[in-house]
Every structure is written in structure tokens, then in C-alpha cells.
N, C-alpha and C. Protein backbone atom coordinates (compact mmCIF):
# COMPACT_ATOMS: atom_id res chain seq x y z
N UNK A 1 -81.89 53.49 63.85
CA UNK A 1 -82.66 53.11 62.68
C UNK A 1 -81.79 53.27 61.43
N UNK A 2 -81.67 52.20 60.65
CA UNK A 2 -80.85 52.25 59.44
C UNK A 2 -81.73 52.32 58.21
N UNK A 3 -81.19 52.94 57.19
CA UNK A 3 -81.93 52.99 55.93
C UNK A 3 -81.36 51.92 55.01
N UNK A 4 -82.20 51.34 54.23
CA UNK A 4 -81.77 50.32 53.28
C UNK A 4 -81.28 51.03 52.03
N UNK A 5 -80.05 50.72 51.66
CA UNK A 5 -79.47 51.33 50.47
C UNK A 5 -79.93 50.56 49.24
N UNK A 6 -80.47 51.29 48.28
CA UNK A 6 -80.95 50.66 47.05
C UNK A 6 -79.82 50.68 46.02
N UNK A 7 -79.44 49.49 45.55
CA UNK A 7 -78.39 49.41 44.53
C UNK A 7 -78.95 49.79 43.17
N UNK A 8 -78.16 50.49 42.37
CA UNK A 8 -78.61 50.78 41.02
C UNK A 8 -78.64 49.48 40.20
N UNK A 9 -79.38 49.49 39.15
CA UNK A 9 -79.49 48.32 38.29
C UNK A 9 -78.31 48.28 37.31
N UNK A 10 -77.65 47.12 37.28
CA UNK A 10 -76.55 46.91 36.33
C UNK A 10 -77.09 47.11 34.91
N UNK A 11 -78.26 46.53 34.63
CA UNK A 11 -78.83 46.59 33.28
C UNK A 11 -79.16 48.02 32.87
N UNK A 12 -79.75 48.81 33.79
CA UNK A 12 -80.13 50.18 33.41
C UNK A 12 -78.91 51.03 33.09
N UNK A 13 -77.85 50.89 33.88
CA UNK A 13 -76.61 51.65 33.62
C UNK A 13 -76.00 51.19 32.30
N UNK A 14 -75.93 49.87 32.09
CA UNK A 14 -75.34 49.33 30.87
C UNK A 14 -76.13 49.75 29.63
N UNK A 15 -77.45 49.72 29.72
CA UNK A 15 -78.27 50.11 28.57
C UNK A 15 -78.14 51.60 28.28
N UNK A 16 -78.16 52.41 29.32
CA UNK A 16 -78.03 53.86 29.14
C UNK A 16 -76.72 54.19 28.44
N UNK A 17 -75.62 53.66 28.95
CA UNK A 17 -74.33 53.95 28.35
C UNK A 17 -74.11 53.20 27.04
N UNK A 18 -74.72 52.04 26.90
CA UNK A 18 -74.65 51.31 25.64
C UNK A 18 -75.30 52.09 24.52
N UNK A 19 -76.47 52.67 24.81
CA UNK A 19 -77.16 53.48 23.80
C UNK A 19 -76.38 54.74 23.48
N UNK A 20 -75.88 55.41 24.52
CA UNK A 20 -75.11 56.64 24.32
C UNK A 20 -73.85 56.39 23.50
N UNK A 21 -73.06 55.40 23.92
CA UNK A 21 -71.81 55.14 23.21
C UNK A 21 -72.05 54.39 21.90
N UNK A 22 -73.16 53.66 21.80
CA UNK A 22 -73.54 53.07 20.52
C UNK A 22 -73.82 54.16 19.50
N UNK A 23 -74.49 55.22 19.95
CA UNK A 23 -74.76 56.35 19.07
C UNK A 23 -73.46 57.03 18.64
N UNK A 24 -72.55 57.19 19.58
CA UNK A 24 -71.24 57.77 19.25
C UNK A 24 -70.53 56.85 18.24
N UNK A 25 -70.61 55.55 18.46
CA UNK A 25 -70.02 54.59 17.53
C UNK A 25 -70.62 54.68 16.14
N UNK A 26 -71.93 54.88 16.07
CA UNK A 26 -72.60 55.02 14.78
C UNK A 26 -72.12 56.29 14.07
N UNK A 27 -72.02 57.39 14.80
CA UNK A 27 -71.53 58.65 14.21
C UNK A 27 -70.11 58.44 13.67
N UNK A 28 -69.26 57.77 14.45
CA UNK A 28 -67.90 57.48 14.01
C UNK A 28 -67.94 56.63 12.75
N UNK A 29 -68.83 55.64 12.72
CA UNK A 29 -68.93 54.76 11.56
C UNK A 29 -69.44 55.52 10.33
N UNK A 30 -70.34 56.47 10.54
CA UNK A 30 -70.81 57.30 9.42
C UNK A 30 -69.61 58.01 8.79
N UNK A 31 -68.77 58.58 9.64
CA UNK A 31 -67.60 59.31 9.14
C UNK A 31 -66.69 58.37 8.35
N UNK A 32 -66.43 57.20 8.91
CA UNK A 32 -65.55 56.22 8.26
C UNK A 32 -66.13 55.79 6.91
N UNK A 33 -67.42 55.52 6.88
CA UNK A 33 -68.04 55.00 5.66
C UNK A 33 -68.22 56.07 4.60
N UNK A 34 -68.60 57.26 5.00
CA UNK A 34 -68.80 58.34 4.03
C UNK A 34 -67.47 58.74 3.39
N UNK A 35 -66.39 58.68 4.16
CA UNK A 35 -65.08 59.03 3.62
C UNK A 35 -64.40 57.84 2.94
N UNK A 36 -65.10 56.70 2.86
CA UNK A 36 -64.59 55.48 2.21
C UNK A 36 -63.30 54.96 2.84
N UNK A 37 -63.20 55.09 4.16
CA UNK A 37 -62.01 54.63 4.87
C UNK A 37 -62.26 53.34 5.65
N UNK A 38 -63.32 52.63 5.28
CA UNK A 38 -63.68 51.40 5.98
C UNK A 38 -62.64 50.31 5.88
N UNK A 39 -61.76 50.40 4.89
CA UNK A 39 -60.72 49.38 4.75
C UNK A 39 -59.46 49.72 5.55
N UNK A 40 -59.43 50.90 6.17
CA UNK A 40 -58.30 51.30 6.99
C UNK A 40 -58.46 50.66 8.38
N UNK A 41 -57.74 49.55 8.59
CA UNK A 41 -57.91 48.78 9.83
C UNK A 41 -57.55 49.61 11.06
N UNK A 42 -56.51 50.41 10.99
CA UNK A 42 -56.09 51.20 12.14
C UNK A 42 -57.18 52.19 12.52
N UNK A 43 -57.71 52.89 11.53
CA UNK A 43 -58.75 53.88 11.79
C UNK A 43 -60.03 53.21 12.26
N UNK A 44 -60.41 52.11 11.64
CA UNK A 44 -61.62 51.39 12.05
C UNK A 44 -61.51 50.85 13.46
N UNK A 45 -60.30 50.48 13.87
CA UNK A 45 -60.14 49.92 15.22
C UNK A 45 -60.31 50.98 16.31
N UNK A 46 -60.33 52.24 15.94
CA UNK A 46 -60.59 53.29 16.93
C UNK A 46 -61.99 53.17 17.53
N UNK A 47 -62.87 52.44 16.87
CA UNK A 47 -64.21 52.21 17.42
C UNK A 47 -64.11 51.49 18.77
N UNK A 48 -63.07 50.67 18.93
CA UNK A 48 -62.89 49.96 20.20
C UNK A 48 -62.47 50.91 21.32
N UNK A 49 -61.84 52.02 20.97
CA UNK A 49 -61.52 53.04 21.97
C UNK A 49 -62.83 53.65 22.49
N UNK A 50 -63.78 53.85 21.59
CA UNK A 50 -65.10 54.35 21.99
C UNK A 50 -65.76 53.35 22.93
N UNK A 51 -65.67 52.06 22.60
CA UNK A 51 -66.25 51.02 23.44
C UNK A 51 -65.59 51.00 24.82
N UNK A 52 -64.28 51.09 24.86
CA UNK A 52 -63.56 51.10 26.14
C UNK A 52 -63.98 52.30 26.97
N UNK A 53 -64.05 53.47 26.34
CA UNK A 53 -64.47 54.68 27.06
C UNK A 53 -65.88 54.50 27.62
N UNK A 54 -66.76 53.90 26.84
CA UNK A 54 -68.13 53.66 27.30
C UNK A 54 -68.17 52.74 28.51
N UNK A 55 -67.38 51.67 28.48
CA UNK A 55 -67.34 50.73 29.59
C UNK A 55 -66.81 51.41 30.85
N UNK A 56 -65.73 52.15 30.71
CA UNK A 56 -65.14 52.84 31.86
C UNK A 56 -66.12 53.86 32.45
N UNK A 57 -66.74 54.65 31.59
CA UNK A 57 -67.68 55.67 32.08
C UNK A 57 -68.91 55.04 32.72
N UNK A 58 -69.41 53.92 32.16
CA UNK A 58 -70.56 53.25 32.74
C UNK A 58 -70.22 52.69 34.12
N UNK A 59 -69.04 52.10 34.24
CA UNK A 59 -68.63 51.56 35.54
C UNK A 59 -68.44 52.67 36.57
N UNK A 60 -67.86 53.79 36.14
CA UNK A 60 -67.71 54.94 37.05
C UNK A 60 -69.07 55.43 37.51
N UNK A 61 -70.01 55.53 36.58
CA UNK A 61 -71.36 55.98 36.92
C UNK A 61 -72.02 55.02 37.89
N UNK A 62 -71.87 53.75 37.65
CA UNK A 62 -72.47 52.75 38.55
C UNK A 62 -71.89 52.90 39.95
N UNK A 63 -70.58 53.07 40.03
CA UNK A 63 -69.96 53.22 41.35
C UNK A 63 -70.45 54.49 42.05
N UNK A 64 -70.62 55.57 41.29
CA UNK A 64 -71.13 56.81 41.88
C UNK A 64 -72.53 56.60 42.46
N UNK A 65 -73.36 55.88 41.74
CA UNK A 65 -74.73 55.62 42.20
C UNK A 65 -74.77 54.61 43.35
N UNK A 66 -73.71 53.83 43.50
CA UNK A 66 -73.69 52.75 44.46
C UNK A 66 -72.71 53.03 45.61
N UNK A 67 -72.57 54.30 45.96
CA UNK A 67 -71.76 54.71 47.11
C UNK A 67 -70.30 54.29 46.99
N UNK A 68 -69.78 54.26 45.76
CA UNK A 68 -68.38 53.94 45.52
C UNK A 68 -68.09 52.46 45.35
N UNK A 69 -69.12 51.64 45.39
CA UNK A 69 -68.90 50.19 45.32
C UNK A 69 -69.36 49.61 43.98
N UNK A 70 -68.60 48.62 43.53
CA UNK A 70 -68.96 47.83 42.35
C UNK A 70 -68.19 46.52 42.46
N UNK A 71 -68.90 45.43 42.45
CA UNK A 71 -68.22 44.13 42.50
C UNK A 71 -67.67 43.79 41.12
N UNK A 72 -66.80 42.81 41.09
CA UNK A 72 -66.23 42.36 39.82
C UNK A 72 -67.34 41.88 38.88
N UNK A 73 -68.28 41.11 39.41
CA UNK A 73 -69.38 40.59 38.60
C UNK A 73 -70.29 41.69 38.06
N UNK A 74 -70.54 42.70 38.87
CA UNK A 74 -71.36 43.82 38.41
C UNK A 74 -70.66 44.54 37.26
N UNK A 75 -69.37 44.77 37.40
CA UNK A 75 -68.61 45.41 36.33
C UNK A 75 -68.60 44.58 35.06
N UNK A 76 -68.44 43.27 35.24
CA UNK A 76 -68.45 42.37 34.09
C UNK A 76 -69.81 42.41 33.39
N UNK A 77 -70.88 42.45 34.15
CA UNK A 77 -72.22 42.54 33.56
C UNK A 77 -72.43 43.84 32.81
N UNK A 78 -71.99 44.94 33.41
CA UNK A 78 -72.14 46.25 32.77
C UNK A 78 -71.41 46.27 31.43
N UNK A 79 -70.15 45.87 31.43
CA UNK A 79 -69.35 45.93 30.20
C UNK A 79 -69.83 44.99 29.12
N UNK A 80 -70.26 43.80 29.51
CA UNK A 80 -70.73 42.83 28.53
C UNK A 80 -72.03 43.28 27.88
N UNK A 81 -72.98 43.73 28.68
CA UNK A 81 -74.25 44.20 28.14
C UNK A 81 -74.04 45.46 27.29
N UNK A 82 -73.20 46.35 27.76
CA UNK A 82 -72.90 47.56 27.00
C UNK A 82 -72.30 47.17 25.65
N UNK A 83 -71.38 46.20 25.63
CA UNK A 83 -70.79 45.75 24.37
C UNK A 83 -71.82 45.19 23.41
N UNK A 84 -72.80 44.45 23.94
CA UNK A 84 -73.85 43.89 23.09
C UNK A 84 -74.70 44.99 22.47
N UNK A 85 -75.06 45.98 23.26
CA UNK A 85 -75.87 47.10 22.75
C UNK A 85 -75.08 47.89 21.71
N UNK A 86 -73.84 48.17 22.01
CA UNK A 86 -72.94 48.88 21.09
C UNK A 86 -72.84 48.12 19.77
N UNK A 87 -72.61 46.82 19.85
CA UNK A 87 -72.47 45.99 18.65
C UNK A 87 -73.75 45.92 17.83
N UNK A 88 -74.89 45.80 18.54
CA UNK A 88 -76.17 45.75 17.84
C UNK A 88 -76.41 47.05 17.07
N UNK A 89 -76.16 48.18 17.73
CA UNK A 89 -76.42 49.47 17.09
C UNK A 89 -75.52 49.69 15.88
N UNK A 90 -74.23 49.38 16.02
CA UNK A 90 -73.32 49.60 14.89
C UNK A 90 -73.56 48.58 13.79
N UNK A 91 -73.91 47.34 14.15
CA UNK A 91 -74.23 46.33 13.13
C UNK A 91 -75.49 46.70 12.36
N UNK A 92 -76.51 47.15 13.08
CA UNK A 92 -77.75 47.58 12.44
C UNK A 92 -77.49 48.76 11.51
N UNK A 93 -76.71 49.72 11.99
CA UNK A 93 -76.40 50.87 11.14
C UNK A 93 -75.66 50.44 9.88
N UNK A 94 -74.67 49.55 10.03
CA UNK A 94 -73.89 49.09 8.87
C UNK A 94 -74.81 48.47 7.83
N UNK A 95 -75.73 47.64 8.29
CA UNK A 95 -76.65 47.02 7.35
C UNK A 95 -77.54 48.07 6.67
N UNK A 96 -78.12 48.99 7.44
CA UNK A 96 -78.99 50.03 6.86
C UNK A 96 -78.20 50.86 5.86
N UNK A 97 -76.99 51.25 6.23
CA UNK A 97 -76.17 52.09 5.35
C UNK A 97 -75.85 51.37 4.04
N UNK A 98 -75.39 50.12 4.15
CA UNK A 98 -74.97 49.41 2.94
C UNK A 98 -76.14 48.90 2.11
N UNK A 99 -77.30 48.72 2.73
CA UNK A 99 -78.46 48.21 2.01
C UNK A 99 -79.29 49.32 1.37
N UNK A 100 -79.38 50.48 2.03
CA UNK A 100 -80.31 51.51 1.57
C UNK A 100 -79.67 52.86 1.21
N UNK A 101 -78.54 53.19 1.81
CA UNK A 101 -77.96 54.52 1.60
C UNK A 101 -76.86 54.50 0.54
N UNK A 102 -75.86 53.66 0.73
CA UNK A 102 -74.75 53.56 -0.22
C UNK A 102 -74.64 52.10 -0.63
N UNK A 103 -75.45 51.71 -1.58
CA UNK A 103 -75.54 50.31 -1.97
C UNK A 103 -74.26 49.79 -2.65
N UNK A 104 -73.39 50.66 -3.08
CA UNK A 104 -72.14 50.25 -3.73
C UNK A 104 -70.97 50.17 -2.74
N UNK A 105 -71.21 50.52 -1.49
CA UNK A 105 -70.13 50.56 -0.49
C UNK A 105 -69.41 49.22 -0.36
N UNK A 106 -70.16 48.14 -0.20
CA UNK A 106 -69.55 46.82 -0.01
C UNK A 106 -68.76 46.40 -1.25
N UNK A 107 -69.25 46.71 -2.43
CA UNK A 107 -68.54 46.37 -3.66
C UNK A 107 -67.20 47.10 -3.72
N UNK A 108 -67.18 48.37 -3.30
CA UNK A 108 -65.93 49.13 -3.28
C UNK A 108 -64.94 48.53 -2.27
N UNK A 109 -65.45 48.17 -1.10
CA UNK A 109 -64.57 47.58 -0.08
C UNK A 109 -64.02 46.23 -0.54
N UNK A 110 -64.87 45.44 -1.20
CA UNK A 110 -64.44 44.14 -1.71
C UNK A 110 -63.35 44.31 -2.77
N UNK A 111 -63.51 45.30 -3.62
CA UNK A 111 -62.50 45.54 -4.66
C UNK A 111 -61.17 45.98 -4.04
N UNK A 112 -61.25 46.82 -3.00
CA UNK A 112 -60.02 47.22 -2.30
C UNK A 112 -59.34 46.01 -1.66
N UNK A 113 -60.15 45.11 -1.10
CA UNK A 113 -59.58 43.89 -0.50
C UNK A 113 -58.94 43.01 -1.57
N UNK A 114 -59.59 42.90 -2.71
CA UNK A 114 -59.05 42.09 -3.81
C UNK A 114 -57.67 42.62 -4.22
N UNK A 115 -57.57 43.93 -4.38
CA UNK A 115 -56.30 44.55 -4.78
C UNK A 115 -55.23 44.28 -3.71
N UNK A 116 -55.59 44.43 -2.44
CA UNK A 116 -54.63 44.17 -1.35
C UNK A 116 -54.15 42.73 -1.36
N UNK A 117 -55.06 41.80 -1.60
CA UNK A 117 -54.68 40.39 -1.63
C UNK A 117 -53.72 40.10 -2.78
N UNK A 118 -54.01 40.69 -3.93
CA UNK A 118 -53.13 40.50 -5.08
C UNK A 118 -51.76 41.12 -4.83
N UNK A 119 -51.73 42.29 -4.19
CA UNK A 119 -50.46 42.95 -3.85
C UNK A 119 -49.64 42.13 -2.86
N UNK A 120 -50.32 41.32 -2.04
CA UNK A 120 -49.63 40.46 -1.07
C UNK A 120 -49.11 39.18 -1.72
N UNK A 121 -49.35 39.03 -3.01
CA UNK A 121 -48.82 37.88 -3.73
C UNK A 121 -49.72 36.66 -3.74
N UNK A 122 -50.97 36.83 -3.39
CA UNK A 122 -51.89 35.68 -3.41
C UNK A 122 -52.25 35.35 -4.85
N UNK A 123 -52.53 34.07 -5.09
CA UNK A 123 -52.93 33.65 -6.43
C UNK A 123 -54.38 34.06 -6.67
N UNK A 124 -54.77 34.03 -7.95
CA UNK A 124 -56.15 34.37 -8.30
C UNK A 124 -57.14 33.43 -7.61
N UNK A 125 -56.77 32.14 -7.51
CA UNK A 125 -57.65 31.17 -6.86
C UNK A 125 -57.82 31.50 -5.37
N UNK A 126 -56.71 31.88 -4.71
CA UNK A 126 -56.78 32.24 -3.30
C UNK A 126 -57.63 33.50 -3.09
N UNK A 127 -57.45 34.46 -3.96
CA UNK A 127 -58.22 35.70 -3.88
C UNK A 127 -59.70 35.42 -4.09
N UNK A 128 -60.01 34.61 -5.10
CA UNK A 128 -61.42 34.27 -5.36
C UNK A 128 -62.05 33.55 -4.17
N UNK A 129 -61.30 32.63 -3.56
CA UNK A 129 -61.81 31.91 -2.38
C UNK A 129 -62.04 32.88 -1.23
N UNK A 130 -61.10 33.82 -1.03
CA UNK A 130 -61.25 34.82 0.03
C UNK A 130 -62.44 35.73 -0.21
N UNK A 131 -62.64 36.12 -1.45
CA UNK A 131 -63.77 36.99 -1.80
C UNK A 131 -65.09 36.25 -1.62
N UNK A 132 -65.13 34.97 -1.99
CA UNK A 132 -66.35 34.18 -1.82
C UNK A 132 -66.70 34.06 -0.34
N UNK A 133 -65.68 33.88 0.49
CA UNK A 133 -65.92 33.77 1.93
C UNK A 133 -66.42 35.11 2.49
N UNK A 134 -65.82 36.20 2.04
CA UNK A 134 -66.22 37.52 2.53
C UNK A 134 -67.66 37.85 2.14
N UNK A 135 -68.10 37.39 0.97
CA UNK A 135 -69.47 37.65 0.52
C UNK A 135 -70.49 36.99 1.43
N UNK A 136 -70.09 35.88 2.07
CA UNK A 136 -71.01 35.19 2.99
C UNK A 136 -71.33 36.03 4.22
N UNK A 137 -70.51 37.02 4.52
CA UNK A 137 -70.69 37.83 5.72
C UNK A 137 -71.34 39.18 5.43
N UNK A 138 -72.02 39.30 4.29
CA UNK A 138 -72.60 40.58 3.91
C UNK A 138 -74.11 40.65 4.08
N UNK A 139 -74.75 39.60 4.52
CA UNK A 139 -76.20 39.62 4.67
C UNK A 139 -76.61 40.42 5.90
N UNK A 140 -77.89 40.82 5.94
CA UNK A 140 -78.36 41.64 7.06
C UNK A 140 -78.24 40.92 8.40
N UNK A 141 -78.62 39.65 8.44
CA UNK A 141 -78.56 38.90 9.68
C UNK A 141 -77.12 38.77 10.17
N UNK A 142 -76.22 38.50 9.24
CA UNK A 142 -74.81 38.36 9.59
C UNK A 142 -74.25 39.68 10.11
N UNK A 143 -74.60 40.77 9.47
CA UNK A 143 -74.08 42.08 9.90
C UNK A 143 -74.59 42.43 11.30
N UNK A 144 -75.87 42.23 11.53
CA UNK A 144 -76.46 42.63 12.81
C UNK A 144 -76.08 41.67 13.92
N UNK A 145 -76.34 40.38 13.71
CA UNK A 145 -76.03 39.40 14.76
C UNK A 145 -74.52 39.25 14.92
N UNK A 146 -73.80 39.23 13.81
CA UNK A 146 -72.34 39.12 13.87
C UNK A 146 -71.73 40.30 14.61
N UNK A 147 -72.20 41.49 14.29
CA UNK A 147 -71.70 42.69 14.98
C UNK A 147 -72.01 42.64 16.46
N UNK A 148 -73.20 42.19 16.80
CA UNK A 148 -73.60 42.11 18.21
C UNK A 148 -72.76 41.08 18.95
N UNK A 149 -72.64 39.89 18.40
CA UNK A 149 -71.90 38.81 19.08
C UNK A 149 -70.41 39.14 19.19
N UNK A 150 -69.82 39.63 18.12
CA UNK A 150 -68.38 39.94 18.16
C UNK A 150 -68.09 41.05 19.17
N UNK A 151 -68.91 42.07 19.19
CA UNK A 151 -68.69 43.17 20.13
C UNK A 151 -69.03 42.74 21.55
N UNK A 152 -70.01 41.86 21.71
CA UNK A 152 -70.32 41.32 23.03
C UNK A 152 -69.10 40.56 23.56
N UNK A 153 -68.49 39.73 22.73
CA UNK A 153 -67.31 38.96 23.16
C UNK A 153 -66.16 39.92 23.49
N UNK A 154 -65.93 40.90 22.63
CA UNK A 154 -64.86 41.85 22.88
C UNK A 154 -65.16 42.67 24.14
N UNK A 155 -66.43 43.07 24.31
CA UNK A 155 -66.83 43.80 25.52
C UNK A 155 -66.62 42.97 26.76
N UNK A 156 -66.91 41.66 26.67
CA UNK A 156 -66.69 40.75 27.80
C UNK A 156 -65.20 40.69 28.15
N UNK A 157 -64.36 40.52 27.15
CA UNK A 157 -62.91 40.44 27.40
C UNK A 157 -62.39 41.74 27.99
N UNK A 158 -62.81 42.87 27.43
CA UNK A 158 -62.41 44.17 27.98
C UNK A 158 -62.90 44.32 29.41
N UNK A 159 -64.12 43.87 29.67
CA UNK A 159 -64.70 44.00 31.01
C UNK A 159 -63.99 43.14 32.03
N UNK A 160 -63.45 42.01 31.61
CA UNK A 160 -62.66 41.19 32.52
C UNK A 160 -61.50 42.02 33.09
N UNK A 161 -60.88 42.79 32.23
CA UNK A 161 -59.72 43.60 32.63
C UNK A 161 -60.16 44.86 33.38
N UNK A 162 -61.10 45.60 32.78
CA UNK A 162 -61.52 46.88 33.35
C UNK A 162 -62.19 46.67 34.71
N UNK A 163 -63.00 45.63 34.84
CA UNK A 163 -63.66 45.34 36.13
C UNK A 163 -62.64 45.02 37.21
N UNK A 164 -61.60 44.30 36.84
CA UNK A 164 -60.56 43.96 37.82
C UNK A 164 -59.87 45.22 38.34
N UNK A 165 -59.71 46.20 37.48
CA UNK A 165 -59.06 47.46 37.86
C UNK A 165 -60.01 48.35 38.67
N UNK A 166 -61.27 48.41 38.24
CA UNK A 166 -62.21 49.38 38.82
C UNK A 166 -63.04 48.85 39.98
N UNK A 167 -63.02 47.56 40.23
CA UNK A 167 -63.90 47.01 41.28
C UNK A 167 -63.56 47.58 42.64
N UNK A 168 -64.57 47.69 43.45
CA UNK A 168 -64.43 48.11 44.84
C UNK A 168 -65.57 47.44 45.58
N UNK A 169 -65.32 46.22 46.02
CA UNK A 169 -66.37 45.43 46.67
C UNK A 169 -66.70 46.00 48.05
N UNK A 170 -67.95 45.84 48.42
CA UNK A 170 -68.38 46.24 49.77
C UNK A 170 -67.68 45.36 50.79
N UNK A 171 -67.31 45.92 51.93
CA UNK A 171 -66.75 45.09 52.99
C UNK A 171 -67.79 44.07 53.46
N UNK A 172 -67.32 42.90 53.84
CA UNK A 172 -68.23 41.84 54.30
C UNK A 172 -69.04 42.28 55.52
N UNK A 173 -68.38 42.93 56.45
CA UNK A 173 -69.04 43.34 57.70
C UNK A 173 -68.92 44.84 57.85
N UNK A 174 -70.05 45.51 57.83
CA UNK A 174 -70.02 46.97 58.01
C UNK A 174 -70.53 47.33 59.38
């Protein structure tokens, strides 16, 4: 008599770790924004290390729950969904922070960008055009949906690589 093995849900693992690492991402973002280091690209890019860690840990957890097995597609689903949750949470936080907590944050970041552009030798017309374009990306919908979509895409790309490394497909015939 054999027992039927129940596979864990890709969505439940991805959501659990997406929420956990999304929260870690929000805490990291609070630190970056409160210290006014949002214009530091190197420091801001460390958020992707948090995303990578979340994807790896979620895939490890899934494999533990699934008797050591995870197909490439399951890993891809976990990482992509986790990326979307992570992006939604950080995008939502960014909007709440800039709209209600520190309403001058975006103006400070824009001024820092303006100075950087001028230091790079751009003309006033080029700087003004760049600033006008950047202002289009400051609305609530853009911050939330843009953050979700961009992180979903990045999570998908990362998952293509991480899934290939971590996959352990079940044998065809057991």
C-alpha cells in the first residue's frame, strides 16, 4: 500500500516568503529613506540582494516540503511570484512614505539628481527634460504598479538562473 505524497503549493511558499522578505525590504527602504541615501545607487541596489536571498530561501523551503524535489517550472513560479509580492510591498511603502510621512523626500532626491546631471555636463535643457520625465514616475499608481512590475521582471530573470541551479526534478519512474 502506497501513500500519496502531497506537494506543497508553489503559491503558498512564494507568498509566505514574499511577505517575509518584502517586510525586510521595507525595513531596508526605511533606513535608506530616513538617512536620505535614496540617491546612492550602490546602496539602493542592495535591496536586490534581499530579493535573491528570499528567492533562494523560498526554493529551499519548497524543496524541504517536497521531499527534496523542485522542478524548474516550480522554482520559476516561486521566484516570480515572490518578486511581485516584494515589489508590491516596497512600491506601496515608497508611495505611503513619500505621500504622507516625508512629503519633501522626492523633491530632495530630484534636486540631487539635477545637481548630478549638471556635474556630468548636461545642458539646462537636457536637465529640464530629464526632470520632467522623472516627475512622470512619481504618482501613486506608477510607484506601486511600476515597483511591482519591475521587481516581478527582475524576480523572473533571477529565478531563471536560481531555478536552474536549485532544481531537482523527480525521476520519471520511481
